[in-house]
Amino acid sequence: MASTIIGHDEIIHALDRAVHEGRVHHAYLLCGPPRVGKTTVGRWLALRLNCTGSDPPCDQCPDCRAIRAGTHPDVRAIQLSTDRDPTLGLALDLPARPQRAAERVIGIDQVRALQRDAALAPHRARWKVYLLPGAESLSLEAANCLLKTLEEPPPQVVLVLTAVDPGSLPATVVSRCQILRLAPVPTAAIAAALAARYNCPSDRAALLARLSGGRPGWAIDAAARDEPLAERAQDLADLDVALTDSLRARLALAERLATEFGRDPARVLRTLGTWQIYWWDVRLVQLGCSDLITNLDRQEELTSLAEQLAPSLVDRQVGSTATALQRLLQNVNPRLALEALLLSTPTRR
């Protein structure tokens, strides 16, 4: 199973050694960017702890197969009920009151269900493992309730929490966990894995690896579906409109994006993120670092812009895009924020 994880060799080795030497911590907090592999590492630990094969995790024994299928009675998951992954682990009791999508919290009822279950002996495995992906979604009440289990863990129980930033959790929770920080995975490792394991053509694998920003989960998803690259193509087409000298076209684009922001803020934030990376690439070309660009398939366009625009204009646009992102996150009027960005965009000759 370790071979199916892309990157994070040092963390896998450390966890493997801890299990082998009997030094398993009662609670781990895996931190790192979204889709960098935190949940995958957590599932690997559940496999490593409970595998009955000769070379754990073997992925062949009954326990490994059940964990991989999300049906093992001793591997449970607490997740947001609105977007639960059934393969991660058997669900504990869900809240009695149906959760509204807007709430987006893991409530105290789920934590209490964990505590009741953790007090029981394992059904068939050596360890009971509880996976809590997105632990920043714990309500304050639920996080405080979880402290009891973290402070007085039952024997043979391991909790695995994941979060983007440990600062998003109460310090009392963080202090009772062993923190493991997952860094972005090198581009070459992601590209090689996409080509070898997912039958991705080498050119596409190289592009997706760059676009992933070191996040294997994003790259694997983009290799399997057309939507991520189609979304990016639309974003770059919109940027092409922004680079024209038509004031009407720019204002119309700002209006459309502002309307879309009202329906799906995350989508517009991703658009601006794509633009910001594009401008960084233009600056990299100007600095003679074309080998570091993200948009490998747009090198000719990037070179053309790099030759037309002064470096100061490119630097300004990188900053302006970052400012627009910050303003949108701070609930500034979306149309005004987007108009300011688009009207400041330099014109391509």
Protein backbone atom coordinates (compact mmCIF):
# COMPACT_ATOMS: atom_id res chain seq x y z
CA MET A 1 0.00 0.00 0.00
CA ALA A 2 2.85 2.39 0.72
CA SER A 3 3.80 2.16 -2.96
CA THR A 4 0.40 3.57 -3.93
CA ILE A 5 1.02 6.78 -1.98
CA ILE A 6 2.61 9.51 -4.06
CA GLY A 7 5.40 11.13 -2.05
CA HIS A 8 5.55 11.56 1.75
CA ASP A 9 8.19 8.82 2.05
CA GLU A 10 9.66 10.20 5.28
CA ILE A 11 6.29 10.31 7.04
CA ILE A 12 5.35 6.81 5.88
CA HIS A 13 8.73 5.51 7.07
CA ALA A 14 8.31 7.19 10.47
CA LEU A 15 4.82 5.76 10.95
CA ASP A 16 5.93 2.31 9.83
CA ARG A 17 8.79 2.38 12.32
CA ALA A 18 6.49 3.55 15.13
CA VAL A 19 4.13 0.62 14.51
CA HIS A 20 7.02 -1.85 14.24
CA GLU A 21 8.59 -0.62 17.50
CA GLY A 22 5.30 -0.37 19.40
CA ARG A 23 5.44 3.41 19.74
CA VAL A 24 2.10 4.27 18.18
CA HIS A 25 0.73 7.61 19.38
CA HIS A 26 -2.92 7.72 20.43
CA ALA A 27 -3.70 10.70 18.18
CA TYR A 28 -2.16 12.12 15.00
CA LEU A 29 -2.88 15.44 13.31
CA LEU A 30 -1.94 15.38 9.62
CA CYS A 31 -1.59 18.91 8.23
CA GLY A 32 -0.98 20.19 4.74
CA PRO A 33 -2.58 21.74 1.64
CA PRO A 34 -5.92 20.40 0.40
CA ARG A 35 -5.59 17.13 -1.55
CA VAL A 36 -1.91 16.70 -0.74
CA GLY A 37 -2.54 13.18 0.60
CA LYS A 38 -3.47 13.58 4.27
CA THR A 39 -6.45 11.23 4.20
CA THR A 40 -4.54 8.72 2.09
CA VAL A 41 -1.77 8.60 4.70
CA GLY A 42 -4.38 8.23 7.45
CA ARG A 43 -5.95 5.25 5.69
CA TRP A 44 -2.48 3.76 5.18
CA LEU A 45 -1.90 3.94 8.94
CA ALA A 46 -5.18 2.09 9.55
CA LEU A 47 -4.01 -0.61 7.13
CA ARG A 48 -0.55 -0.80 8.66
CA LEU A 49 -1.94 -1.18 12.17
CA ASN A 50 -4.43 -3.93 11.33
CA CYS A 51 -2.95 -5.88 8.43
CA THR A 52 -2.52 -9.59 9.18
CA GLY A 53 -0.25 -10.29 6.21
CA SER A 54 3.46 -11.01 6.37
CA ASP A 55 4.50 -7.67 4.82
CA PRO A 56 2.01 -5.11 6.12
CA PRO A 57 0.10 -3.52 4.66
CA CYS A 58 -0.38 -6.33 2.16
CA ASP A 59 -3.69 -5.16 0.61
CA GLN A 60 -4.64 -8.85 0.30
CA CYS A 61 -5.70 -10.05 3.76
CA PRO A 62 -9.36 -9.80 4.85
CA ASP A 63 -8.63 -6.83 7.11
CA CYS A 64 -6.84 -4.88 4.37
CA ARG A 65 -9.62 -5.55 1.87
CA ALA A 66 -12.31 -4.48 4.34
CA ILE A 67 -10.46 -1.28 5.24
CA ARG A 68 -9.97 -0.42 1.58
CA ALA A 69 -13.68 -0.96 0.98
CA GLY A 70 -14.65 1.14 3.99
CA THR A 71 -16.47 -1.76 5.64
CA HIS A 72 -14.11 -2.75 8.46
CA PRO A 73 -15.94 -2.62 11.82
CA ASP A 74 -12.85 -1.27 13.60
CA VAL A 75 -12.06 1.58 11.19
CA ARG A 76 -14.60 4.37 11.52
CA ALA A 77 -14.86 7.86 10.03
CA ILE A 78 -16.38 11.10 11.25
CA GLN A 79 -17.15 13.34 8.30
CA LEU A 80 -19.51 16.07 7.27
CA SER A 81 -22.76 14.29 6.54
CA THR A 82 -23.24 16.43 3.42
CA ASP A 83 -20.18 15.06 1.59
CA ARG A 84 -19.23 11.78 3.21
CA ASP A 85 -16.80 9.38 1.50
CA PRO A 86 -18.18 5.88 2.21
CA THR A 87 -14.85 4.21 1.36
CA LEU A 88 -13.00 6.00 4.17
CA GLY A 89 -14.63 4.04 6.98
CA LEU A 90 -17.91 3.03 8.52
CA ALA A 91 -19.90 6.03 9.66
CA LEU A 92 -20.65 6.57 13.31
CA ASP A 93 -24.10 7.74 14.37
CA LEU A 94 -25.21 10.72 12.34
CA PRO A 95 -26.85 13.73 14.03
CA ALA A 96 -30.48 13.19 15.00
CA ARG A 97 -31.42 16.44 13.25
CA PRO A 98 -30.70 16.50 9.51
CA GLN A 99 -27.74 18.77 8.81
CA ARG A 100 -28.20 21.72 6.48
CA ALA A 101 -25.48 22.21 3.89
CA ALA A 102 -24.90 25.75 5.15
CA GLU A 103 -23.93 24.50 8.60
CA ARG A 104 -20.86 22.55 7.44
CA VAL A 105 -19.87 21.39 10.92
CA ILE A 106 -19.10 18.10 12.61
CA GLY A 107 -21.31 18.16 15.68
CA ILE A 108 -21.08 16.90 19.23
CA ASP A 109 -23.46 14.00 18.53
CA GLN A 110 -20.90 12.44 16.20
CA VAL A 111 -18.07 12.88 18.72
CA ARG A 112 -20.18 11.30 21.45
CA ALA A 113 -20.87 8.37 19.13
CA LEU A 114 -17.10 8.02 18.67
CA GLN A 115 -16.59 7.98 22.43
CA ARG A 116 -19.22 5.29 22.94
CA ASP A 117 -17.71 3.15 20.23
CA ALA A 118 -14.10 3.69 21.38
CA ALA A 119 -14.99 2.39 24.84
CA LEU A 120 -15.72 -1.04 23.33
CA ALA A 121 -13.05 -3.60 22.54
CA PRO A 122 -12.08 -4.07 18.88
CA HIS A 123 -14.43 -6.37 17.00
CA ARG A 124 -11.75 -8.33 15.15
CA ALA A 125 -8.65 -6.20 14.62
CA ARG A 126 -5.77 -5.22 16.87
CA TRP A 127 -6.57 -1.51 16.74
CA LYS A 128 -9.63 0.68 16.47
CA VAL A 129 -8.87 3.61 14.17
CA TYR A 130 -11.02 6.74 13.89
CA LEU A 131 -10.45 9.01 10.89
CA LEU A 132 -11.56 12.64 11.15
CA PRO A 133 -10.82 14.32 7.79
CA GLY A 134 -11.33 18.07 7.77
CA ALA A 135 -11.11 18.32 11.54
CA GLU A 136 -11.38 22.10 11.24
CA SER A 137 -15.08 21.43 10.67
CA LEU A 138 -15.51 20.33 14.28
CA SER A 139 -17.78 22.70 16.12
CA LEU A 140 -16.24 24.22 19.24
CA GLU A 141 -18.60 22.12 21.34
CA ALA A 142 -17.55 18.95 19.47
CA ALA A 143 -13.84 19.80 19.73
CA ASN A 144 -14.14 20.32 23.49
CA CYS A 145 -15.99 17.01 23.80
CA LEU A 146 -13.23 15.27 21.84
CA LEU A 147 -10.70 16.43 24.43
CA LYS A 148 -11.86 13.77 26.87
CA THR A 149 -10.87 11.02 24.45
CA LEU A 150 -7.59 12.76 23.60
CA GLU A 151 -6.70 13.17 27.27
CA GLU A 152 -7.76 9.66 28.38
CA PRO A 153 -7.55 7.50 25.26
CA PRO A 154 -8.83 3.93 25.57
CA PRO A 155 -6.22 1.23 24.89
CA GLN A 156 -5.75 0.12 21.28
CA VAL A 157 -7.46 3.26 19.95
CA VAL A 158 -5.85 5.66 17.44
CA LEU A 159 -7.42 8.90 16.22
CA VAL A 160 -6.24 10.43 12.94
CA LEU A 161 -7.31 14.04 12.37
CA THR A 162 -6.53 15.99 9.22
CA ALA A 163 -6.53 19.75 8.73
CA VAL A 164 -5.04 22.26 6.34
CA ASP A 165 -3.72 24.41 9.18
CA PRO A 166 -3.36 23.33 12.82
CA GLY A 167 -4.15 26.92 13.77
CA SER A 168 -7.75 26.30 12.68
CA LEU A 169 -8.22 23.90 15.62
CA PRO A 170 -8.34 24.73 19.33
CA ALA A 171 -4.85 24.72 20.83
CA THR A 172 -6.02 22.22 23.45
CA VAL A 173 -6.80 19.68 20.71
CA VAL A 174 -3.58 20.30 18.78
CA SER A 175 -1.41 19.95 21.89
CA ARG A 176 -2.70 16.42 22.49
CA CYS A 177 -1.89 15.17 19.00
CA GLN A 178 1.36 14.29 17.30
CA ILE A 179 1.55 16.70 14.37
CA LEU A 180 2.76 15.43 11.00
CA ARG A 181 3.13 18.06 8.28
CA LEU A 182 2.70 16.91 4.69
CA ALA A 183 4.57 19.13 2.23
CA PRO A 184 3.67 19.50 -1.45
CA VAL A 185 4.95 16.55 -3.46
CA PRO A 186 7.67 17.18 -6.09
CA THR A 187 6.32 17.63 -9.60
CA ALA A 188 8.47 14.84 -11.04
CA ALA A 189 7.06 12.30 -8.56
CA ILE A 190 3.47 13.21 -9.41
CA ALA A 191 4.11 13.11 -13.18
CA ALA A 192 5.82 9.73 -12.90
CA ALA A 193 2.97 8.28 -10.83
CA LEU A 194 0.30 9.57 -13.24
CA ALA A 195 2.09 7.97 -16.18
CA ALA A 196 2.87 4.68 -14.48
CA ARG A 197 -0.25 4.04 -12.41
CA TYR A 198 -3.02 5.91 -14.21
CA ASN A 199 -2.06 5.43 -17.88
CA CYS A 200 -1.76 9.17 -18.36
CA PRO A 201 0.19 10.27 -21.47
CA SER A 202 3.53 11.80 -20.51
CA ASP A 203 2.76 15.30 -21.83
CA ARG A 204 -0.56 15.42 -20.01
CA ALA A 205 1.01 13.96 -16.87
CA ALA A 206 3.71 16.64 -16.87
CA LEU A 207 1.12 19.42 -17.30
CA LEU A 208 -1.19 18.08 -14.60
CA ALA A 209 1.72 17.65 -12.22
CA ARG A 210 2.67 21.32 -12.67
CA LEU A 211 -0.92 22.51 -12.36
CA SER A 212 -1.46 20.45 -9.21
CA GLY A 213 0.87 22.60 -7.14
CA GLY A 214 2.24 19.49 -5.43
CA ARG A 215 -1.21 18.01 -4.64
CA PRO A 216 -1.42 14.40 -5.89
CA GLY A 217 -5.14 14.17 -5.13
CA TRP A 218 -5.92 17.02 -7.51
CA ALA A 219 -3.68 15.56 -10.22
CA ILE A 220 -5.25 12.09 -9.99
CA ASP A 221 -8.74 13.59 -10.21
CA ALA A 222 -7.77 15.76 -13.19
CA ALA A 223 -6.27 12.75 -14.95
CA ALA A 224 -9.56 10.87 -14.62
CA ARG A 225 -11.96 13.68 -15.52
CA ASP A 226 -12.07 16.35 -18.22
CA GLU A 227 -13.68 19.01 -16.02
CA PRO A 228 -10.55 20.46 -14.31
CA LEU A 229 -8.74 21.18 -17.57
CA ALA A 230 -11.96 22.40 -19.19
CA GLU A 231 -12.42 24.84 -16.30
CA ARG A 232 -8.86 26.05 -16.72
CA ALA A 233 -9.37 26.53 -20.48
CA GLN A 234 -12.38 28.74 -19.75
CA ASP A 235 -10.38 30.73 -17.18
CA LEU A 236 -7.59 31.39 -19.66
CA ALA A 237 -10.11 32.30 -22.37
CA ASP A 238 -11.54 34.88 -19.95
CA LEU A 239 -8.05 36.20 -19.28
CA ASP A 240 -7.59 36.57 -23.02
CA VAL A 241 -10.69 38.82 -23.01
CA ALA A 242 -9.20 40.82 -20.14
CA LEU A 243 -6.05 41.42 -22.20
CA THR A 244 -7.98 43.10 -25.02
CA ASP A 245 -8.32 46.86 -25.26
CA SER A 246 -12.13 46.73 -25.32
CA LEU A 247 -13.51 48.48 -22.25
CA ARG A 248 -16.97 47.07 -22.93
CA ALA A 249 -15.63 43.48 -23.06
CA ARG A 250 -13.78 43.91 -19.77
CA LEU A 251 -16.77 45.37 -17.96
CA ALA A 252 -19.03 42.63 -19.32
CA LEU A 253 -16.58 40.01 -18.05
CA ALA A 254 -16.51 41.65 -14.62
CA GLU A 255 -20.30 41.63 -14.49
CA ARG A 256 -20.47 37.95 -15.48
CA LEU A 257 -17.88 36.90 -12.93
CA ALA A 258 -19.57 38.94 -10.20
CA THR A 259 -22.88 37.22 -10.95
CA GLU A 260 -21.16 33.84 -10.89
CA PHE A 261 -19.51 34.74 -7.58
CA GLY A 262 -22.96 35.13 -6.08
CA ARG A 263 -23.79 31.54 -7.08
CA ASP A 264 -20.43 29.84 -6.63
CA PRO A 265 -17.72 31.92 -4.90
CA ALA A 266 -15.18 29.10 -4.96
CA ARG A 267 -15.36 28.89 -8.75
CA VAL A 268 -14.47 32.57 -9.21
CA LEU A 269 -11.70 32.34 -6.63
CA ARG A 270 -10.23 29.46 -8.64
CA THR A 271 -10.44 31.62 -11.78
CA LEU A 272 -8.41 34.38 -10.18
CA GLY A 273 -5.97 31.79 -8.85
CA THR A 274 -5.46 30.53 -12.40
CA TRP A 275 -4.85 34.08 -13.59
CA GLN A 276 -2.35 34.76 -10.83
CA ILE A 277 -0.32 31.65 -11.70
CA TYR A 278 -0.40 32.69 -15.37
CA TRP A 279 1.06 36.09 -14.50
CA TRP A 280 3.72 34.45 -12.35
CA ASP A 281 4.65 32.35 -15.38
CA VAL A 282 5.01 35.47 -17.53
CA ARG A 283 7.41 36.90 -14.96
CA LEU A 284 9.36 33.63 -14.80
CA VAL A 285 9.85 33.78 -18.57
CA GLN A 286 11.11 37.34 -18.22
CA LEU A 287 13.56 36.18 -15.58
CA GLY A 288 14.88 33.42 -17.84
CA CYS A 289 13.29 30.64 -15.77
CA SER A 290 10.98 29.10 -18.37
CA ASP A 291 11.76 25.64 -17.03
CA LEU A 292 9.81 26.53 -13.86
CA ILE A 293 6.53 27.65 -15.44
CA THR A 294 3.27 25.93 -14.53
CA ASN A 295 1.37 26.39 -17.81
CA LEU A 296 3.61 24.18 -19.93
CA ASP A 297 1.17 24.09 -22.84
CA ARG A 298 1.04 27.91 -23.08
CA GLN A 299 4.73 28.66 -23.38
CA GLU A 300 4.43 30.43 -26.73
CA GLU A 301 1.72 32.77 -25.40
CA LEU A 302 3.68 33.39 -22.21
CA THR A 303 6.81 34.25 -24.17
CA SER A 304 4.86 36.67 -26.35
CA LEU A 305 3.43 38.49 -23.32
CA ALA A 306 6.81 38.51 -21.60
CA GLU A 307 8.30 40.30 -24.61
CA GLN A 308 5.45 42.82 -24.91
CA LEU A 309 5.04 43.89 -21.29
CA ALA A 310 7.43 45.62 -18.96
CA PRO A 311 8.39 43.56 -15.90
CA SER A 312 6.93 46.28 -13.67
CA LEU A 313 3.51 45.82 -15.33
CA VAL A 314 3.63 42.07 -14.80
CA ASP A 315 4.64 42.50 -11.15
CA ARG A 316 1.79 44.97 -10.71
CA GLN A 317 -0.71 42.52 -12.19
CA VAL A 318 0.40 39.72 -9.89
CA GLY A 319 -0.20 42.08 -6.98
CA SER A 320 -3.52 43.34 -8.34
CA THR A 321 -4.82 39.79 -8.71
CA ALA A 322 -3.79 38.98 -5.14
CA THR A 323 -5.56 42.13 -3.94
CA ALA A 324 -8.75 41.17 -5.80
CA LEU A 325 -8.68 37.72 -4.21
CA GLN A 326 -8.29 39.26 -0.77
CA ARG A 327 -11.12 41.71 -1.38
CA LEU A 328 -13.47 38.95 -2.46
CA LEU A 329 -12.64 36.97 0.67
CA GLN A 330 -13.32 40.09 2.75
CA ASN A 331 -16.80 40.54 1.27
CA VAL A 332 -15.99 43.64 -0.74
CA ASN A 333 -18.59 44.27 -3.47
CA PRO A 334 -17.62 41.57 -6.03
CA ARG A 335 -18.41 43.65 -9.09
CA LEU A 336 -16.32 46.59 -7.89
CA ALA A 337 -13.41 44.34 -6.95
CA LEU A 338 -13.48 42.56 -10.31
CA GLU A 339 -13.90 45.74 -12.32
CA ALA A 340 -10.88 47.26 -10.57
CA LEU A 341 -8.82 44.19 -11.46
CA LEU A 342 -9.92 43.96 -15.07
CA LEU A 343 -9.56 47.68 -15.78
CA SER A 344 -5.99 47.56 -14.47
CA THR A 345 -5.04 44.59 -16.67
CA PRO A 346 -2.39 45.60 -19.25
CA THR A 347 -3.35 45.51 -22.92
CA ARG A 348 -1.75 42.98 -25.22
CA ARG A 349 -0.53 44.29 -28.54
